[in-house]
Amino acid sequence: MALLHVGEANAMMGERSALGRAERHLAHMDGDGRPGELTSAGQLNRLAGSCYLRLGEPKRAQSLLESVPAGIQERQKSHAIVLGNLALARLRQRGLDGATETLHQVIDAVEETRGGGAVNVLFAAGRELRPWRGRRDVEEIMDRTLALMAS
């Protein structure tokens, strides 16, 4: 898991080699290609999805983030970040309808958890939505985001 976090940090700086090392290491932890007890496929996909998003591979990120199991949803703050990253991945592929739909779910989760990580992702998505600010669905996201911050 520590290697995945190193991979995520390196992905923030545009370096992908640490992510590959982490994925190879996790694949061999218990000999049958599955991560061991300290991590899960959901955690792996959550972090790897975030990494690929930062590395400019939104399609690969979306695939990983969509496969994060429902068990992650029990950890609401983590789930909100997964949803936020998924919205960004969709947005970066010009899937505006899917992105705004997912951002509504992010706002719902942040209203419950007040998780700072998801707020950061929500604001990143808001910046990327600027070209479409005249669309009604984008206006709704912006209005809800402002209302969230005001409460």
C-alpha atoms as a PDB file:
ATOM      1  CA  MET A   1       0.000   0.000   0.000  1.00  0.00           C
ATOM      2  CA  ALA A   2       2.886   2.341   0.750  1.00  0.00           C
ATOM      3  CA  LEU A   3       4.199   1.760  -2.768  1.00  0.00           C
ATOM      4  CA  LEU A   4       0.838   2.807  -4.153  1.00  0.00           C
ATOM      5  CA  HIS A   5       1.005   6.038  -2.191  1.00  0.00           C
ATOM      6  CA  VAL A   6       4.525   6.622  -3.514  1.00  0.00           C
ATOM      7  CA  GLY A   7       3.151   5.931  -6.986  1.00  0.00           C
ATOM      8  CA  GLU A   8       0.389   8.460  -6.401  1.00  0.00           C
ATOM      9  CA  ALA A   9       2.856  11.096  -5.222  1.00  0.00           C
ATOM     10  CA  ASN A  10       5.070  10.470  -8.238  1.00  0.00           C
ATOM     11  CA  ALA A  11       2.044  10.599 -10.559  1.00  0.00           C
ATOM     12  CA  MET A  12       1.326  14.077  -9.193  1.00  0.00           C
ATOM     13  CA  MET A  13       4.740  15.026 -10.558  1.00  0.00           C
ATOM     14  CA  GLY A  14       4.137  13.255 -13.892  1.00  0.00           C
ATOM     15  CA  GLU A  15       6.313  10.209 -13.139  1.00  0.00           C
ATOM     16  CA  ARG A  16       4.740   6.823 -13.862  1.00  0.00           C
ATOM     17  CA  SER A  17       7.462   4.279 -13.022  1.00  0.00           C
ATOM     18  CA  ALA A  18       6.652   4.072  -9.287  1.00  0.00           C
ATOM     19  CA  LEU A  19       3.030   3.200 -10.081  1.00  0.00           C
ATOM     20  CA  GLY A  20       4.113   0.284 -12.257  1.00  0.00           C
ATOM     21  CA  ARG A  21       6.399  -1.000  -9.494  1.00  0.00           C
ATOM     22  CA  ALA A  22       3.548  -0.833  -6.989  1.00  0.00           C
ATOM     23  CA  GLU A  23       1.166  -2.683  -9.292  1.00  0.00           C
ATOM     24  CA  ARG A  24       3.732  -5.432  -9.995  1.00  0.00           C
ATOM     25  CA  HIS A  25       4.522  -5.795  -6.294  1.00  0.00           C
ATOM     26  CA  LEU A  26       0.866  -6.074  -5.299  1.00  0.00           C
ATOM     27  CA  ALA A  27       0.175  -8.592  -8.043  1.00  0.00           C
ATOM     28  CA  HIS A  28       2.779 -10.938  -6.562  1.00  0.00           C
ATOM     29  CA  MET A  29       2.075 -10.518  -2.852  1.00  0.00           C
ATOM     30  CA  ASP A  30       0.207 -13.772  -2.383  1.00  0.00           C
ATOM     31  CA  GLY A  31       1.330 -15.659  -5.474  1.00  0.00           C
ATOM     32  CA  ASP A  32      -1.989 -15.835  -7.303  1.00  0.00           C
ATOM     33  CA  GLY A  33      -2.148 -12.328  -8.722  1.00  0.00           C
ATOM     34  CA  ARG A  34      -4.387 -10.894  -6.023  1.00  0.00           C
ATOM     35  CA  PRO A  35      -3.310  -8.315  -3.469  1.00  0.00           C
ATOM     36  CA  GLY A  36      -2.785  -9.614   0.048  1.00  0.00           C
ATOM     37  CA  GLU A  37      -4.787  -8.952   3.190  1.00  0.00           C
ATOM     38  CA  LEU A  38      -3.479  -5.444   3.845  1.00  0.00           C
ATOM     39  CA  THR A  39      -4.946  -4.099   0.657  1.00  0.00           C
ATOM     40  CA  SER A  40      -7.867  -4.873  -1.568  1.00  0.00           C
ATOM     41  CA  ALA A  41      -8.653  -4.623  -5.231  1.00  0.00           C
ATOM     42  CA  GLY A  42     -10.861  -1.652  -4.370  1.00  0.00           C
ATOM     43  CA  GLN A  43      -8.031   0.230  -2.711  1.00  0.00           C
ATOM     44  CA  LEU A  44      -5.698  -0.634  -5.568  1.00  0.00           C
ATOM     45  CA  ASN A  45      -8.197   0.570  -8.174  1.00  0.00           C
ATOM     46  CA  ARG A  46      -9.005   3.693  -6.165  1.00  0.00           C
ATOM     47  CA  LEU A  47      -5.374   4.769  -5.932  1.00  0.00           C
ATOM     48  CA  ALA A  48      -4.342   3.587  -9.393  1.00  0.00           C
ATOM     49  CA  GLY A  49      -7.341   5.393 -10.898  1.00  0.00           C
ATOM     50  CA  SER A  50      -6.248   8.589  -9.192  1.00  0.00           C
ATOM     51  CA  CYS A  51      -2.712   8.090 -10.507  1.00  0.00           C
ATOM     52  CA  TYR A  52      -3.778   7.530 -14.104  1.00  0.00           C
ATOM     53  CA  LEU A  53      -6.034  10.570 -13.902  1.00  0.00           C
ATOM     54  CA  ARG A  54      -3.034  12.678 -12.847  1.00  0.00           C
ATOM     55  CA  LEU A  55      -0.913  11.100 -15.588  1.00  0.00           C
ATOM     56  CA  GLY A  56      -3.364  12.261 -18.242  1.00  0.00           C
ATOM     57  CA  GLU A  57      -4.970   8.893 -18.940  1.00  0.00           C
ATOM     58  CA  PRO A  58      -8.636   9.549 -18.110  1.00  0.00           C
ATOM     59  CA  LYS A  59      -9.973   6.527 -20.011  1.00  0.00           C
ATOM     60  CA  ARG A  60      -7.783   4.136 -18.023  1.00  0.00           C
ATOM     61  CA  ALA A  61      -8.603   6.015 -14.819  1.00  0.00           C
ATOM     62  CA  GLN A  62     -12.329   5.750 -15.516  1.00  0.00           C
ATOM     63  CA  SER A  63     -12.096   2.006 -16.071  1.00  0.00           C
ATOM     64  CA  LEU A  64     -10.321   1.507 -12.738  1.00  0.00           C
ATOM     65  CA  LEU A  65     -12.552   3.886 -10.786  1.00  0.00           C
ATOM     66  CA  GLU A  66     -15.733   2.303 -12.143  1.00  0.00           C
ATOM     67  CA  SER A  67     -14.532  -1.075 -10.896  1.00  0.00           C
ATOM     68  CA  VAL A  68     -14.062   0.075  -7.298  1.00  0.00           C
ATOM     69  CA  PRO A  69     -16.374  -2.257  -5.359  1.00  0.00           C
ATOM     70  CA  ALA A  70     -19.349  -1.175  -3.317  1.00  0.00           C
ATOM     71  CA  GLY A  71     -17.421  -1.954  -0.116  1.00  0.00           C
ATOM     72  CA  ILE A  72     -15.521   1.299  -0.558  1.00  0.00           C
ATOM     73  CA  GLN A  73     -18.887   3.069  -0.321  1.00  0.00           C
ATOM     74  CA  GLU A  74     -18.993   2.179   3.368  1.00  0.00           C
ATOM     75  CA  ARG A  75     -16.033   4.550   3.781  1.00  0.00           C
ATOM     76  CA  GLN A  76     -17.975   7.599   2.683  1.00  0.00           C
ATOM     77  CA  LYS A  77     -15.037  10.001   2.449  1.00  0.00           C
ATOM     78  CA  SER A  78     -13.095   7.595   0.228  1.00  0.00           C
ATOM     79  CA  HIS A  79     -16.189   6.971  -1.851  1.00  0.00           C
ATOM     80  CA  ALA A  80     -16.691  10.711  -2.387  1.00  0.00           C
ATOM     81  CA  ILE A  81     -13.121  11.038  -3.666  1.00  0.00           C
ATOM     82  CA  VAL A  82     -13.594   8.051  -5.999  1.00  0.00           C
ATOM     83  CA  LEU A  83     -16.740   9.678  -7.377  1.00  0.00           C
ATOM     84  CA  GLY A  84     -14.975  13.019  -7.782  1.00  0.00           C
ATOM     85  CA  ASN A  85     -12.101  11.427  -9.670  1.00  0.00           C
ATOM     86  CA  LEU A  86     -14.578   9.489 -11.792  1.00  0.00           C
ATOM     87  CA  ALA A  87     -16.349  12.749 -12.656  1.00  0.00           C
ATOM     88  CA  LEU A  88     -13.016  14.295 -13.658  1.00  0.00           C
ATOM     89  CA  ALA A  89     -12.164  11.279 -15.813  1.00  0.00           C
ATOM     90  CA  ARG A  90     -15.514  11.551 -17.597  1.00  0.00           C
ATOM     91  CA  LEU A  91     -15.147  15.300 -17.998  1.00  0.00           C
ATOM     92  CA  ARG A  92     -11.664  14.981 -19.506  1.00  0.00           C
ATOM     93  CA  GLN A  93     -13.133  12.631 -22.104  1.00  0.00           C
ATOM     94  CA  ARG A  94     -15.870  15.181 -22.867  1.00  0.00           C
ATOM     95  CA  GLY A  95     -18.536  13.056 -21.200  1.00  0.00           C
ATOM     96  CA  LEU A  96     -20.225  16.103 -19.743  1.00  0.00           C
ATOM     97  CA  ASP A  97     -23.572  14.478 -18.933  1.00  0.00           C
ATOM     98  CA  GLY A  98     -21.956  11.631 -17.011  1.00  0.00           C
ATOM     99  CA  ALA A  99     -19.602  14.044 -15.261  1.00  0.00           C
ATOM    100  CA  THR A 100     -22.355  16.353 -14.018  1.00  0.00           C
ATOM    101  CA  GLU A 101     -24.472  13.409 -12.905  1.00  0.00           C
ATOM    102  CA  THR A 102     -21.537  12.060 -10.900  1.00  0.00           C
ATOM    103  CA  LEU A 103     -20.743  15.503  -9.457  1.00  0.00           C
ATOM    104  CA  HIS A 104     -24.240  15.653  -7.975  1.00  0.00           C
ATOM    105  CA  GLN A 105     -23.370  12.431  -6.136  1.00  0.00           C
ATOM    106  CA  VAL A 106     -20.089  13.976  -4.964  1.00  0.00           C
ATOM    107  CA  ILE A 107     -21.946  17.000  -3.573  1.00  0.00           C
ATOM    108  CA  ASP A 108     -24.444  14.701  -1.825  1.00  0.00           C
ATOM    109  CA  ALA A 109     -21.555  12.814  -0.198  1.00  0.00           C
ATOM    110  CA  VAL A 110     -19.712  15.985   0.827  1.00  0.00           C
ATOM    111  CA  GLU A 111     -22.899  17.346   2.400  1.00  0.00           C
ATOM    112  CA  GLU A 112     -22.869  14.285   4.666  1.00  0.00           C
ATOM    113  CA  THR A 113     -19.157  13.878   5.368  1.00  0.00           C
ATOM    114  CA  ARG A 114     -17.610  17.326   4.917  1.00  0.00           C
ATOM    115  CA  GLY A 115     -14.579  15.436   3.581  1.00  0.00           C
ATOM    116  CA  GLY A 116     -11.880  17.872   2.486  1.00  0.00           C
ATOM    117  CA  GLY A 117     -10.366  15.598  -0.157  1.00  0.00           C
ATOM    118  CA  ALA A 118     -13.626  15.390  -2.043  1.00  0.00           C
ATOM    119  CA  VAL A 119     -14.075  19.160  -1.778  1.00  0.00           C
ATOM    120  CA  ASN A 120     -10.709  19.640  -3.480  1.00  0.00           C
ATOM    121  CA  VAL A 121     -11.723  17.311  -6.308  1.00  0.00           C
ATOM    122  CA  LEU A 122     -15.110  19.046  -6.582  1.00  0.00           C
ATOM    123  CA  PHE A 123     -13.417  22.417  -7.022  1.00  0.00           C
ATOM    124  CA  ALA A 124     -10.987  20.978  -9.583  1.00  0.00           C
ATOM    125  CA  ALA A 125     -13.995  19.742 -11.559  1.00  0.00           C
ATOM    126  CA  GLY A 126     -15.633  23.148 -11.205  1.00  0.00           C
ATOM    127  CA  ARG A 127     -12.610  24.800 -12.801  1.00  0.00           C
ATOM    128  CA  GLU A 128     -12.728  22.333 -15.679  1.00  0.00           C
ATOM    129  CA  LEU A 129     -16.448  22.973 -16.199  1.00  0.00           C
ATOM    130  CA  ARG A 130     -15.889  26.673 -17.011  1.00  0.00           C
ATOM    131  CA  PRO A 131     -16.180  26.266 -20.797  1.00  0.00           C
ATOM    132  CA  TRP A 132     -19.725  24.956 -20.294  1.00  0.00           C
ATOM    133  CA  ARG A 133     -20.844  27.383 -17.575  1.00  0.00           C
ATOM    134  CA  GLY A 134     -23.809  28.496 -19.706  1.00  0.00           C
ATOM    135  CA  ARG A 135     -25.353  25.016 -19.641  1.00  0.00           C
ATOM    136  CA  ARG A 136     -28.143  24.501 -17.146  1.00  0.00           C
ATOM    137  CA  ASP A 137     -26.681  21.269 -15.700  1.00  0.00           C
ATOM    138  CA  VAL A 138     -23.315  22.971 -15.129  1.00  0.00           C
ATOM    139  CA  GLU A 139     -25.026  25.968 -13.502  1.00  0.00           C
ATOM    140  CA  GLU A 140     -26.754  23.550 -11.120  1.00  0.00           C
ATOM    141  CA  ILE A 141     -23.396  22.037 -10.113  1.00  0.00           C
ATOM    142  CA  MET A 142     -21.932  25.500  -9.518  1.00  0.00           C
ATOM    143  CA  ASP A 143     -24.971  26.619  -7.515  1.00  0.00           C
ATOM    144  CA  ARG A 144     -24.906  23.492  -5.368  1.00  0.00           C
ATOM    145  CA  THR A 145     -21.147  23.852  -4.822  1.00  0.00           C
ATOM    146  CA  LEU A 146     -21.554  27.457  -3.672  1.00  0.00           C
ATOM    147  CA  ALA A 147     -24.453  26.507  -1.398  1.00  0.00           C
ATOM    148  CA  LEU A 148     -22.343  23.714   0.061  1.00  0.00           C
ATOM    149  CA  MET A 149     -19.533  26.121   0.872  1.00  0.00           C
ATOM    150  CA  ALA A 150     -21.942  28.640   2.362  1.00  0.00           C
ATOM    151  CA  SER A 151     -23.465  26.125   4.778  1.00  0.00           C
END
